[in-house]
Amino acid sequence: MKRKRYTERQIIKILKEAEAGVSVAELSRQHGFSQSAFYKWKAKYNGMDVSQLHRLKELEEENRKLKQMYADLSLEHQVLKDIVEKKLSQ
């Protein structure tokens, strides 16, 4: 069976339906996902709305860029440090 992918917007909509009182079994039957997937989504997205989700994605992207910048600078620092040590040892 082909695995169906849900957007964050769809996941939040499903979680809102569950908060409104629809049972997890009914939701999983209607939308075609497993109950374990629902509980994973609930752990990750519970209480969020779409605007908060967009902000979360922006922060995750900014965090990824900052980590990459740190890794690049750290590598440059290490290379320069090695060069200085070689010059001093000669």
Protein backbone atom coordinates (compact mmCIF):
# COMPACT_ATOMS: atom_id res chain seq x y z
CA MET A 1 0.00 0.00 0.00
CA LYS A 2 1.31 3.45 -0.91
CA ARG A 3 2.02 5.67 2.04
CA LYS A 4 0.00 8.89 2.09
CA ARG A 5 1.73 12.10 3.10
CA TYR A 6 -0.14 14.76 5.01
CA THR A 7 0.74 18.44 5.09
CA GLU A 8 1.14 20.16 8.42
CA ARG A 9 -2.03 22.10 7.67
CA GLN A 10 -3.98 18.85 7.21
CA ILE A 11 -2.48 17.38 10.38
CA ILE A 12 -3.49 20.42 12.41
CA LYS A 13 -7.01 20.22 10.97
CA ILE A 14 -7.24 16.54 12.00
CA LEU A 15 -5.98 17.36 15.51
CA LYS A 16 -8.58 20.13 15.82
CA GLU A 17 -11.28 17.61 14.89
CA ALA A 18 -10.01 15.31 17.64
CA GLU A 19 -10.14 18.18 20.14
CA ALA A 20 -13.76 18.78 19.07
CA GLY A 21 -14.64 15.29 20.24
CA VAL A 22 -14.29 13.00 17.22
CA SER A 23 -12.72 9.70 18.24
CA VAL A 24 -9.25 8.76 17.02
CA ALA A 25 -10.60 5.54 15.50
CA GLU A 26 -13.18 7.49 13.49
CA LEU A 27 -10.61 10.03 12.32
CA SER A 28 -8.15 7.34 11.29
CA ARG A 29 -10.87 5.57 9.31
CA GLN A 30 -12.05 8.79 7.61
CA HIS A 31 -8.62 10.11 6.69
CA GLY A 32 -6.72 6.84 6.24
CA PHE A 33 -3.91 7.03 8.79
CA SER A 34 -2.88 4.80 11.67
CA GLN A 35 -3.66 5.60 15.26
CA SER A 36 0.05 5.57 16.08
CA ALA A 37 0.57 8.29 13.45
CA PHE A 38 -2.12 10.35 15.15
CA TYR A 39 -0.37 10.15 18.52
CA LYS A 40 2.98 11.07 16.94
CA TRP A 41 1.34 14.09 15.31
CA LYS A 42 -0.31 14.99 18.58
CA ALA A 43 3.03 14.93 20.39
CA LYS A 44 4.59 17.19 17.76
CA TYR A 45 1.77 19.59 16.80
CA ASN A 46 -0.65 19.60 19.74
CA GLY A 47 -2.05 23.05 20.48
CA MET A 48 -0.57 24.73 17.40
CA ASP A 49 -2.39 26.72 14.81
CA VAL A 50 -1.21 27.41 11.26
CA SER A 51 0.52 30.72 12.06
CA GLN A 52 2.50 29.11 14.88
CA LEU A 53 3.47 26.31 12.53
CA HIS A 54 4.84 28.81 9.99
CA ARG A 55 6.85 30.49 12.75
CA LEU A 56 8.20 27.11 13.86
CA LYS A 57 9.32 26.33 10.29
CA GLU A 58 11.03 29.73 10.03
CA LEU A 59 12.86 29.17 13.31
CA GLU A 60 13.94 25.68 12.27
CA GLU A 61 15.33 27.06 8.99
CA GLU A 62 17.15 29.87 10.80
CA ASN A 63 18.57 27.35 13.27
CA ARG A 64 19.79 25.15 10.40
CA LYS A 65 21.54 28.12 8.77
CA LEU A 66 23.18 29.17 12.03
CA LYS A 67 24.43 25.64 12.66
CA GLN A 68 25.92 25.56 9.15
CA MET A 69 27.59 28.94 9.70
CA TYR A 70 29.05 27.72 12.99
CA ALA A 71 30.37 24.55 11.38
CA ASP A 72 32.02 26.55 8.58
CA LEU A 73 33.63 29.02 10.99
CA SER A 74 34.78 26.23 13.27
CA LEU A 75 36.45 24.46 10.36
CA GLU A 76 38.15 27.69 9.21
CA HIS A 77 39.35 28.33 12.76
CA GLN A 78 40.82 24.85 13.03
CA VAL A 79 42.63 25.18 9.68
CA LEU A 80 44.10 28.55 10.65
CA LYS A 81 45.13 27.18 14.03
CA ASP A 82 46.94 24.26 12.36
CA ILE A 83 48.76 26.66 9.99
CA VAL A 84 49.92 28.85 12.88
CA GLU A 85 51.16 25.81 14.83
CA LYS A 86 53.14 24.55 11.82
CA LYS A 87 54.77 27.96 11.30
CA LEU A 88 55.68 28.20 14.97
CA SER A 89 57.19 24.70 15.02
CA GLN A 90 59.48 25.45 12.06
